[in-house]
Every structure is written in structure tokens, then in C-alpha cells.
Amino acid sequence: MRYSGISNGVPAVWEPSFSEVSGCGAVPLVIPILLAGFAAWAAWRGQRVTLGVAALVLGVFTFISGFSIGGAYIPAAWLLIVAAGWAAVAERVR
């Protein structure tokens, strides 16, 4: 993001980092990473319900933040939802 203006009669350009623009710092970027890691742990341990909850929470986070950073997480959210569904179907087949 780039801001430009005039400071003391001189043109000035300010390029703040994401953490300066966001009121929460880098936390919005870390939440989906932690959710995906938690879901990977749940899949590794064979906990279908936990995997499903993590997929649902990541999907909701992606939807809510879709107007800013959420679009970047759409592929991961869809794949996690598919993985949770696949785990549920595979459990019923056994």
C-alpha cells in the first residue's frame, strides 16, 4: 500500500508495512497458518471431528476475511474441507 502527499511543501511517499496498517499486527496472517497446522496434526492423529472443526473454522475465517487477505486462503480452505469430507467417507467405508 502506498500513500502520497505533501509534507512541508515537499512531495512525500509513505509505504507502510502490513503490520503498520493492520491494527492487529501480523496476527491475521498467522491465524490461518495455525489452523492449517492444527488440522494437519488432527489428520495425522486420525481425529476426524477435530479435522472437520478446523476445516470449518478456516472456511469461516476465509469467508470473513475474504475482502482483504482471505482470498489468498481460499485454495487451502477448500482443500482442507475436501480432506475432512474424504476422511469422513473413508471412515464409513471401513
Foldseek 3Di string as FASTA:
>chain_A
DKDWDADPNHIDIDDDDPQVVDPVGCVLVVVLVVLLVQLVVCVVVLNLVSLQVSLVVLVVSLVVCVVPPSVVCVVVSVVSNVVSVVSVVVVVVD
